[in-house]
Amino acid sequence: MGKRYSIAETRNNLAAIVHELEDVQSVEITRRGESVAVLISKQEYDRLLSKSTGFWDSYQAFRKRANLEELDIDPDEIWRDVRDKSPGREIDL
């Protein structure tokens, strides 16, 4: 989050705050120290409204950007303790 401004500061400096939004994604507006609103940049607004991609599409895009072989990551080592492979516990029904 970018800077925080009170409602009075925002009212008095709106033009400068709008210019600031060209460099930061958002500005928080407060009333008596409590957050009440957020101004966001047009770029951030467009990003939020854009069609969101699903997990698989995002993962595929990540795979295109990152060469996983160069990272020298062993998936078996990372994920070996994630799931308990025991049959579970016995219960009385």
PDB file of N, CA and C in Angstrom:
ATOM      1  N   MET A   1       0.864  -1.173   0.000  1.00  0.00           N
ATOM      2  CA  MET A   1       0.000   0.000   0.000  1.00  0.00           C
ATOM      3  C   MET A   1       0.902   1.224   0.000  1.00  0.00           C
ATOM      4  N   GLY A   2       0.466   2.221  -0.705  1.00  0.00           N
ATOM      5  CA  GLY A   2       1.208   3.480  -0.768  1.00  0.00           C
ATOM      6  C   GLY A   2       1.046   4.274   0.512  1.00  0.00           C
ATOM      7  N   LYS A   3       0.957   5.568   0.384  1.00  0.00           N
ATOM      8  CA  LYS A   3       0.832   6.436   1.550  1.00  0.00           C
ATOM      9  C   LYS A   3      -0.586   6.448   2.095  1.00  0.00           C
ATOM     10  N   ARG A   4      -0.711   7.027   3.285  1.00  0.00           N
ATOM     11  CA  ARG A   4      -2.016   7.207   3.929  1.00  0.00           C
ATOM     12  C   ARG A   4      -2.283   8.694   4.050  1.00  0.00           C
ATOM     13  N   TYR A   5      -3.505   9.083   3.730  1.00  0.00           N
ATOM     14  CA  TYR A   5      -3.915  10.473   3.856  1.00  0.00           C
ATOM     15  C   TYR A   5      -5.255  10.537   4.560  1.00  0.00           C
ATOM     16  N   SER A   6      -5.420  11.565   5.377  1.00  0.00           N
ATOM     17  CA  SER A   6      -6.732  11.794   5.982  1.00  0.00           C
ATOM     18  C   SER A   6      -7.672  12.337   4.906  1.00  0.00           C
ATOM     19  N   ILE A   7      -8.957  12.321   5.193  1.00  0.00           N
ATOM     20  CA  ILE A   7      -9.927  12.856   4.236  1.00  0.00           C
ATOM     21  C   ILE A   7      -9.636  14.331   3.969  1.00  0.00           C
ATOM     22  N   ALA A   8      -9.304  15.087   5.001  1.00  0.00           N
ATOM     23  CA  ALA A   8      -9.005  16.509   4.820  1.00  0.00           C
ATOM     24  C   ALA A   8      -7.772  16.701   3.935  1.00  0.00           C
ATOM     25  N   GLU A   9      -6.709  15.915   4.172  1.00  0.00           N
ATOM     26  CA  GLU A   9      -5.513  16.009   3.340  1.00  0.00           C
ATOM     27  C   GLU A   9      -5.836  15.645   1.890  1.00  0.00           C
ATOM     28  N   THR A  10      -6.669  14.646   1.711  1.00  0.00           N
ATOM     29  CA  THR A  10      -7.048  14.224   0.360  1.00  0.00           C
ATOM     30  C   THR A  10      -7.814  15.334  -0.353  1.00  0.00           C
ATOM     31  N   ARG A  11      -8.748  15.931   0.354  1.00  0.00           N
ATOM     32  CA  ARG A  11      -9.541  17.021  -0.234  1.00  0.00           C
ATOM     33  C   ARG A  11      -8.629  18.179  -0.647  1.00  0.00           C
ATOM     34  N   ASN A  12      -7.664  18.517   0.187  1.00  0.00           N
ATOM     35  CA  ASN A  12      -6.782  19.656  -0.088  1.00  0.00           C
ATOM     36  C   ASN A  12      -5.692  19.357  -1.113  1.00  0.00           C
ATOM     37  N   ASN A  13      -5.358  18.079  -1.316  1.00  0.00           N
ATOM     38  CA  ASN A  13      -4.232  17.721  -2.179  1.00  0.00           C
ATOM     39  C   ASN A  13      -4.606  16.684  -3.235  1.00  0.00           C
ATOM     40  N   LEU A  14      -5.843  16.684  -3.678  1.00  0.00           N
ATOM     41  CA  LEU A  14      -6.305  15.636  -4.587  1.00  0.00           C
ATOM     42  C   LEU A  14      -5.459  15.557  -5.853  1.00  0.00           C
ATOM     43  N   ALA A  15      -5.155  16.679  -6.460  1.00  0.00           N
ATOM     44  CA  ALA A  15      -4.377  16.656  -7.710  1.00  0.00           C
ATOM     45  C   ALA A  15      -3.018  16.006  -7.492  1.00  0.00           C
ATOM     46  N   ALA A  16      -2.338  16.356  -6.414  1.00  0.00           N
ATOM     47  CA  ALA A  16      -1.016  15.780  -6.127  1.00  0.00           C
ATOM     48  C   ALA A  16      -1.129  14.281  -5.836  1.00  0.00           C
ATOM     49  N   ILE A  17      -2.195  13.886  -5.146  1.00  0.00           N
ATOM     50  CA  ILE A  17      -2.380  12.473  -4.822  1.00  0.00           C
ATOM     51  C   ILE A  17      -2.647  11.676  -6.101  1.00  0.00           C
ATOM     52  N   VAL A  18      -3.429  12.243  -7.018  1.00  0.00           N
ATOM     53  CA  VAL A  18      -3.679  11.570  -8.294  1.00  0.00           C
ATOM     54  C   VAL A  18      -2.371  11.407  -9.063  1.00  0.00           C
ATOM     55  N   HIS A  19      -1.517  12.423  -9.057  1.00  0.00           N
ATOM     56  CA  HIS A  19      -0.206  12.301  -9.705  1.00  0.00           C
ATOM     57  C   HIS A  19       0.630  11.223  -9.020  1.00  0.00           C
ATOM     58  N   GLU A  20       0.537  11.138  -7.714  1.00  0.00           N
ATOM     59  CA  GLU A  20       1.282  10.121  -6.962  1.00  0.00           C
ATOM     60  C   GLU A  20       0.851   8.716  -7.374  1.00  0.00           C
ATOM     61  N   LEU A  21      -0.424   8.555  -7.725  1.00  0.00           N
ATOM     62  CA  LEU A  21      -0.929   7.240  -8.119  1.00  0.00           C
ATOM     63  C   LEU A  21      -0.304   6.738  -9.422  1.00  0.00           C
ATOM     64  N   GLU A  22       0.382   7.606 -10.143  1.00  0.00           N
ATOM     65  CA  GLU A  22       1.106   7.156 -11.328  1.00  0.00           C
ATOM     66  C   GLU A  22       2.333   6.344 -10.944  1.00  0.00           C
ATOM     67  N   ASP A  23       2.829   6.537  -9.719  1.00  0.00           N
ATOM     68  CA  ASP A  23       4.029   5.833  -9.256  1.00  0.00           C
ATOM     69  C   ASP A  23       3.730   4.704  -8.272  1.00  0.00           C
ATOM     70  N   VAL A  24       2.600   4.770  -7.592  1.00  0.00           N
ATOM     71  CA  VAL A  24       2.235   3.720  -6.633  1.00  0.00           C
ATOM     72  C   VAL A  24       0.891   3.131  -7.049  1.00  0.00           C
ATOM     73  N   GLN A  25       0.610   1.925  -6.574  1.00  0.00           N
ATOM     74  CA  GLN A  25      -0.628   1.259  -6.971  1.00  0.00           C
ATOM     75  C   GLN A  25      -1.847   1.791  -6.229  1.00  0.00           C
ATOM     76  N   SER A  26      -1.648   2.238  -4.988  1.00  0.00           N
ATOM     77  CA  SER A  26      -2.813   2.652  -4.212  1.00  0.00           C
ATOM     78  C   SER A  26      -2.439   3.655  -3.129  1.00  0.00           C
ATOM     79  N   VAL A  27      -3.457   4.376  -2.678  1.00  0.00           N
ATOM     80  CA  VAL A  27      -3.327   5.336  -1.588  1.00  0.00           C
ATOM     81  C   VAL A  27      -4.493   5.093  -0.641  1.00  0.00           C
ATOM     82  N   GLU A  28      -4.192   5.016   0.625  1.00  0.00           N
ATOM     83  CA  GLU A  28      -5.213   4.756   1.647  1.00  0.00           C
ATOM     84  C   GLU A  28      -5.763   6.073   2.191  1.00  0.00           C
ATOM     85  N   ILE A  29      -7.077   6.161   2.337  1.00  0.00           N
ATOM     86  CA  ILE A  29      -7.736   7.350   2.891  1.00  0.00           C
ATOM     87  C   ILE A  29      -8.251   6.979   4.285  1.00  0.00           C
ATOM     88  N   THR A  30      -7.975   7.856   5.247  1.00  0.00           N
ATOM     89  CA  THR A  30      -8.362   7.561   6.630  1.00  0.00           C
ATOM     90  C   THR A  30      -9.303   8.619   7.187  1.00  0.00           C
ATOM     91  N   ARG A  31     -10.071   8.208   8.165  1.00  0.00           N
ATOM     92  CA  ARG A  31     -10.904   9.119   8.946  1.00  0.00           C
ATOM     93  C   ARG A  31     -10.607   8.817  10.405  1.00  0.00           C
ATOM     94  N   ARG A  32     -10.108   9.833  11.110  1.00  0.00           N
ATOM     95  CA  ARG A  32      -9.715   9.679  12.516  1.00  0.00           C
ATOM     96  C   ARG A  32      -8.764   8.496  12.717  1.00  0.00           C
ATOM     97  N   GLY A  33      -7.848   8.332  11.764  1.00  0.00           N
ATOM     98  CA  GLY A  33      -6.831   7.289  11.878  1.00  0.00           C
ATOM     99  C   GLY A  33      -7.266   5.916  11.394  1.00  0.00           C
ATOM    100  N   GLU A  34      -8.537   5.733  11.092  1.00  0.00           N
ATOM    101  CA  GLU A  34      -9.045   4.441  10.633  1.00  0.00           C
ATOM    102  C   GLU A  34      -9.192   4.454   9.112  1.00  0.00           C
ATOM    103  N   SER A  35      -8.758   3.393   8.460  1.00  0.00           N
ATOM    104  CA  SER A  35      -8.866   3.292   7.009  1.00  0.00           C
ATOM    105  C   SER A  35     -10.336   3.217   6.599  1.00  0.00           C
ATOM    106  N   VAL A  36     -10.741   4.072   5.631  1.00  0.00           N
ATOM    107  CA  VAL A  36     -12.130   4.080   5.177  1.00  0.00           C
ATOM    108  C   VAL A  36     -12.244   3.898   3.663  1.00  0.00           C
ATOM    109  N   ALA A  37     -11.164   4.128   2.914  1.00  0.00           N
ATOM    110  CA  ALA A  37     -11.228   4.009   1.458  1.00  0.00           C
ATOM    111  C   ALA A  37      -9.819   3.833   0.902  1.00  0.00           C
ATOM    112  N   VAL A  38      -9.789   3.406  -0.354  1.00  0.00           N
ATOM    113  CA  VAL A  38      -8.517   3.256  -1.053  1.00  0.00           C
ATOM    114  C   VAL A  38      -8.680   3.809  -2.464  1.00  0.00           C
ATOM    115  N   LEU A  39      -7.756   4.650  -2.876  1.00  0.00           N
ATOM    116  CA  LEU A  39      -7.686   5.104  -4.260  1.00  0.00           C
ATOM    117  C   LEU A  39      -6.657   4.232  -4.957  1.00  0.00           C
ATOM    118  N   ILE A  40      -6.983   3.742  -6.158  1.00  0.00           N
ATOM    119  CA  ILE A  40      -6.039   2.904  -6.884  1.00  0.00           C
ATOM    120  C   ILE A  40      -5.723   3.529  -8.231  1.00  0.00           C
ATOM    121  N   SER A  41      -4.567   3.182  -8.758  1.00  0.00           N
ATOM    122  CA  SER A  41      -4.154   3.699 -10.062  1.00  0.00           C
ATOM    123  C   SER A  41      -5.002   3.063 -11.152  1.00  0.00           C
ATOM    124  N   LYS A  42      -5.033   3.701 -12.292  1.00  0.00           N
ATOM    125  CA  LYS A  42      -5.768   3.163 -13.438  1.00  0.00           C
ATOM    126  C   LYS A  42      -5.184   1.819 -13.842  1.00  0.00           C
ATOM    127  N   GLN A  43      -3.879   1.699 -13.791  1.00  0.00           N
ATOM    128  CA  GLN A  43      -3.222   0.432 -14.139  1.00  0.00           C
ATOM    129  C   GLN A  43      -3.688  -0.687 -13.205  1.00  0.00           C
ATOM    130  N   GLU A  44      -3.746  -0.406 -11.910  1.00  0.00           N
ATOM    131  CA  GLU A  44      -4.207  -1.411 -10.941  1.00  0.00           C
ATOM    132  C   GLU A  44      -5.682  -1.718 -11.154  1.00  0.00           C
ATOM    133  N   TYR A  45      -6.469  -0.717 -11.451  1.00  0.00           N
ATOM    134  CA  TYR A  45      -7.899  -0.902 -11.729  1.00  0.00           C
ATOM    135  C   TYR A  45      -8.092  -1.819 -12.939  1.00  0.00           C
ATOM    136  N   ASP A  46      -7.357  -1.563 -14.000  1.00  0.00           N
ATOM    137  CA  ASP A  46      -7.451  -2.405 -15.193  1.00  0.00           C
ATOM    138  C   ASP A  46      -7.036  -3.837 -14.895  1.00  0.00           C
ATOM    139  N   ARG A  47      -5.988  -3.989 -14.089  1.00  0.00           N
ATOM    140  CA  ARG A  47      -5.532  -5.336 -13.724  1.00  0.00           C
ATOM    141  C   ARG A  47      -6.612  -6.078 -12.953  1.00  0.00           C
ATOM    142  N   LEU A  48      -7.264  -5.386 -12.022  1.00  0.00           N
ATOM    143  CA  LEU A  48      -8.308  -6.025 -11.223  1.00  0.00           C
ATOM    144  C   LEU A  48      -9.520  -6.413 -12.060  1.00  0.00           C
ATOM    145  N   LEU A  49      -9.826  -5.624 -13.097  1.00  0.00           N
ATOM    146  CA  LEU A  49     -10.985  -5.910 -13.939  1.00  0.00           C
ATOM    147  C   LEU A  49     -10.691  -6.909 -15.045  1.00  0.00           C
ATOM    148  N   SER A  50      -9.427  -7.143 -15.315  1.00  0.00           N
ATOM    149  CA  SER A  50      -9.091  -8.053 -16.409  1.00  0.00           C
ATOM    150  C   SER A  50      -9.562  -9.461 -16.072  1.00  0.00           C
ATOM    151  N   LYS A  51      -9.808 -10.217 -17.119  1.00  0.00           N
ATOM    152  CA  LYS A  51     -10.264 -11.596 -16.939  1.00  0.00           C
ATOM    153  C   LYS A  51      -9.192 -12.357 -16.171  1.00  0.00           C
ATOM    154  N   SER A  52      -9.577 -12.923 -15.070  1.00  0.00           N
ATOM    155  CA  SER A  52      -8.607 -13.663 -14.283  1.00  0.00           C
ATOM    156  C   SER A  52      -8.361 -15.020 -14.926  1.00  0.00           C
ATOM    157  N   THR A  53      -7.140 -15.455 -14.824  1.00  0.00           N
ATOM    158  CA  THR A  53      -6.793 -16.755 -15.368  1.00  0.00           C
ATOM    159  C   THR A  53      -6.867 -17.788 -14.267  1.00  0.00           C
ATOM    160  N   GLY A  54      -7.136 -18.990 -14.654  1.00  0.00           N
ATOM    161  CA  GLY A  54      -7.201 -20.077 -13.692  1.00  0.00           C
ATOM    162  C   GLY A  54      -5.812 -20.513 -13.257  1.00  0.00           C
ATOM    163  N   PHE A  55      -5.794 -21.423 -12.326  1.00  0.00           N
ATOM    164  CA  PHE A  55      -4.523 -21.902 -11.784  1.00  0.00           C
ATOM    165  C   PHE A  55      -3.656 -22.503 -12.879  1.00  0.00           C
ATOM    166  N   TRP A  56      -4.238 -23.371 -13.705  1.00  0.00           N
ATOM    167  CA  TRP A  56      -3.440 -24.067 -14.698  1.00  0.00           C
ATOM    168  C   TRP A  56      -2.816 -23.099 -15.700  1.00  0.00           C
ATOM    169  N   ASP A  57      -3.603 -22.137 -16.169  1.00  0.00           N
ATOM    170  CA  ASP A  57      -3.065 -21.147 -17.109  1.00  0.00           C
ATOM    171  C   ASP A  57      -1.953 -20.326 -16.465  1.00  0.00           C
ATOM    172  N   SER A  58      -2.151 -19.943 -15.206  1.00  0.00           N
ATOM    173  CA  SER A  58      -1.118 -19.189 -14.491  1.00  0.00           C
ATOM    174  C   SER A  58       0.142 -20.034 -14.309  1.00  0.00           C
ATOM    175  N   TYR A  59      -0.049 -21.300 -13.998  1.00  0.00           N
ATOM    176  CA  TYR A  59       1.085 -22.202 -13.818  1.00  0.00           C
ATOM    177  C   TYR A  59       1.856 -22.372 -15.127  1.00  0.00           C
ATOM    178  N   GLN A  60       1.129 -22.532 -16.225  1.00  0.00           N
ATOM    179  CA  GLN A  60       1.785 -22.680 -17.530  1.00  0.00           C
ATOM    180  C   GLN A  60       2.563 -21.414 -17.891  1.00  0.00           C
ATOM    181  N   ALA A  61       1.992 -20.249 -17.614  1.00  0.00           N
ATOM    182  CA  ALA A  61       2.698 -18.990 -17.866  1.00  0.00           C
ATOM    183  C   ALA A  61       3.961 -18.906 -17.017  1.00  0.00           C
ATOM    184  N   PHE A  62       3.879 -19.346 -15.769  1.00  0.00           N
ATOM    185  CA  PHE A  62       5.051 -19.374 -14.888  1.00  0.00           C
ATOM    186  C   PHE A  62       6.117 -20.297 -15.461  1.00  0.00           C
ATOM    187  N   ARG A  63       5.698 -21.469 -15.937  1.00  0.00           N
ATOM    188  CA  ARG A  63       6.649 -22.428 -16.505  1.00  0.00           C
ATOM    189  C   ARG A  63       7.360 -21.858 -17.724  1.00  0.00           C
ATOM    190  N   LYS A  64       6.666 -21.023 -18.496  1.00  0.00           N
ATOM    191  CA  LYS A  64       7.300 -20.403 -19.659  1.00  0.00           C
ATOM    192  C   LYS A  64       8.337 -19.361 -19.235  1.00  0.00           C
ATOM    193  N   ARG A  65       8.054 -18.660 -18.112  1.00  0.00           N
ATOM    194  CA  ARG A  65       8.973 -17.615 -17.643  1.00  0.00           C
ATOM    195  C   ARG A  65      10.163 -18.188 -16.903  1.00  0.00           C
ATOM    196  N   ALA A  66       9.971 -19.268 -16.162  1.00  0.00           N
ATOM    197  CA  ALA A  66      11.023 -19.817 -15.301  1.00  0.00           C
ATOM    198  C   ALA A  66      11.486 -21.166 -15.844  1.00  0.00           C
ATOM    199  N   ASN A  67      12.769 -21.331 -15.940  1.00  0.00           N
ATOM    200  CA  ASN A  67      13.322 -22.618 -16.338  1.00  0.00           C
ATOM    201  C   ASN A  67      13.580 -23.404 -15.063  1.00  0.00           C
ATOM    202  N   LEU A  68      12.697 -24.360 -14.761  1.00  0.00           N
ATOM    203  CA  LEU A  68      12.781 -25.083 -13.500  1.00  0.00           C
ATOM    204  C   LEU A  68      14.027 -25.956 -13.416  1.00  0.00           C
ATOM    205  N   GLU A  69      14.544 -26.396 -14.555  1.00  0.00           N
ATOM    206  CA  GLU A  69      15.753 -27.205 -14.532  1.00  0.00           C
ATOM    207  C   GLU A  69      16.943 -26.402 -14.007  1.00  0.00           C
ATOM    208  N   GLU A  70      16.983 -25.101 -14.334  1.00  0.00           N
ATOM    209  CA  GLU A  70      18.072 -24.250 -13.853  1.00  0.00           C
ATOM    210  C   GLU A  70      18.019 -24.038 -12.346  1.00  0.00           C
ATOM    211  N   LEU A  71      16.839 -24.167 -11.763  1.00  0.00           N
ATOM    212  CA  LEU A  71      16.701 -23.934 -10.329  1.00  0.00           C
ATOM    213  C   LEU A  71      17.212 -25.097  -9.496  1.00  0.00           C
ATOM    214  N   ASP A  72      17.434 -26.234 -10.128  1.00  0.00           N
ATOM    215  CA  ASP A  72      17.946 -27.427  -9.442  1.00  0.00           C
ATOM    216  C   ASP A  72      17.060 -27.793  -8.251  1.00  0.00           C
ATOM    217  N   ILE A  73      15.774 -27.937  -8.514  1.00  0.00           N
ATOM    218  CA  ILE A  73      14.802 -28.297  -7.479  1.00  0.00           C
ATOM    219  C   ILE A  73      14.388 -29.742  -7.675  1.00  0.00           C
ATOM    220  N   ASP A  74      14.430 -30.513  -6.602  1.00  0.00           N
ATOM    221  CA  ASP A  74      13.982 -31.899  -6.649  1.00  0.00           C
ATOM    222  C   ASP A  74      12.578 -31.968  -6.044  1.00  0.00           C
ATOM    223  N   PRO A  75      11.535 -32.115  -6.875  1.00  0.00           N
ATOM    224  CA  PRO A  75      10.164 -32.136  -6.354  1.00  0.00           C
ATOM    225  C   PRO A  75       9.941 -33.244  -5.327  1.00  0.00           C
ATOM    226  N   ASP A  76      10.589 -34.399  -5.512  1.00  0.00           N
ATOM    227  CA  ASP A  76      10.423 -35.497  -4.556  1.00  0.00           C
ATOM    228  C   ASP A  76      10.936 -35.105  -3.177  1.00  0.00           C
ATOM    229  N   GLU A  77      12.001 -34.322  -3.140  1.00  0.00           N
ATOM    230  CA  GLU A  77      12.542 -33.875  -1.856  1.00  0.00           C
ATOM    231  C   GLU A  77      11.621 -32.843  -1.195  1.00  0.00           C
ATOM    232  N   ILE A  78      11.082 -31.944  -1.997  1.00  0.00           N
ATOM    233  CA  ILE A  78      10.228 -30.885  -1.459  1.00  0.00           C
ATOM    234  C   ILE A  78       8.903 -31.438  -0.940  1.00  0.00           C
ATOM    235  N   TRP A  79       8.308 -32.361  -1.677  1.00  0.00           N
ATOM    236  CA  TRP A  79       6.948 -32.818  -1.367  1.00  0.00           C
ATOM    237  C   TRP A  79       6.886 -34.136  -0.601  1.00  0.00           C
ATOM    238  N   ARG A  80       8.017 -34.740  -0.237  1.00  0.00           N
ATOM    239  CA  ARG A  80       7.979 -36.071   0.367  1.00  0.00           C
ATOM    240  C   ARG A  80       7.219 -36.124   1.690  1.00  0.00           C
ATOM    241  N   ASP A  81       7.240 -35.068   2.489  1.00  0.00           N
ATOM    242  CA  ASP A  81       6.584 -35.089   3.801  1.00  0.00           C
ATOM    243  C   ASP A  81       5.205 -34.442   3.797  1.00  0.00           C
ATOM    244  N   VAL A  82       4.680 -34.117   2.630  1.00  0.00           N
ATOM    245  CA  VAL A  82       3.418 -33.392   2.558  1.00  0.00           C
ATOM    246  C   VAL A  82       2.235 -34.284   2.892  1.00  0.00           C
ATOM    247  N   ARG A  83       2.254 -35.511   2.416  1.00  0.00           N
ATOM    248  CA  ARG A  83       1.110 -36.396   2.640  1.00  0.00           C
ATOM    249  C   ARG A  83       1.541 -37.648   3.374  1.00  0.00           C
ATOM    250  N   ASP A  84       0.800 -37.964   4.413  1.00  0.00           N
ATOM    251  CA  ASP A  84       1.036 -39.190   5.156  1.00  0.00           C
ATOM    252  C   ASP A  84       0.475 -40.349   4.345  1.00  0.00           C
ATOM    253  N   LYS A  85       1.312 -41.322   4.025  1.00  0.00           N
ATOM    254  CA  LYS A  85       0.886 -42.428   3.177  1.00  0.00           C
ATOM    255  C   LYS A  85       0.397 -43.625   3.975  1.00  0.00           C
ATOM    256  N   SER A  86       0.265 -43.467   5.284  1.00  0.00           N
ATOM    257  CA  SER A  86      -0.248 -44.573   6.085  1.00  0.00           C
ATOM    258  C   SER A  86      -1.741 -44.754   5.812  1.00  0.00           C
ATOM    259  N   PRO A  87      -2.273 -45.949   6.067  1.00  0.00           N
ATOM    260  CA  PRO A  87      -3.693 -46.190   5.755  1.00  0.00           C
ATOM    261  C   PRO A  87      -4.662 -45.427   6.644  1.00  0.00           C
ATOM    262  N   GLY A  88      -4.185 -44.805   7.673  1.00  0.00           N
ATOM    263  CA  GLY A  88      -5.080 -44.050   8.545  1.00  0.00           C
ATOM    264  C   GLY A  88      -5.320 -44.776   9.862  1.00  0.00           C
ATOM    265  N   ARG A  89      -6.272 -44.324  10.593  1.00  0.00           N
ATOM    266  CA  ARG A  89      -6.558 -44.929  11.893  1.00  0.00           C
ATOM    267  C   ARG A  89      -7.828 -45.766  11.806  1.00  0.00           C
ATOM    268  N   GLU A  90      -7.920 -46.710  12.705  1.00  0.00           N
ATOM    269  CA  GLU A  90      -9.131 -47.528  12.753  1.00  0.00           C
ATOM    270  C   GLU A  90     -10.167 -46.830  13.610  1.00  0.00           C
ATOM    271  N   ILE A  91     -11.418 -46.902  13.190  1.00  0.00           N
ATOM    272  CA  ILE A  91     -12.503 -46.296  13.963  1.00  0.00           C
ATOM    273  C   ILE A  91     -13.614 -47.310  14.144  1.00  0.00           C
ATOM    274  N   ASP A  92     -14.356 -47.168  15.234  1.00  0.00           N
ATOM    275  CA  ASP A  92     -15.514 -48.013  15.490  1.00  0.00           C
ATOM    276  C   ASP A  92     -16.753 -47.255  15.060  1.00  0.00           C
ATOM    277  N   LEU A  93     -17.557 -47.883  14.205  1.00  0.00           N
ATOM    278  CA  LEU A  93     -18.789 -47.244  13.760  1.00  0.00           C
ATOM    279  C   LEU A  93     -19.971 -47.752  14.513  1.00  0.00           C
TER     280      LEU A  93
END
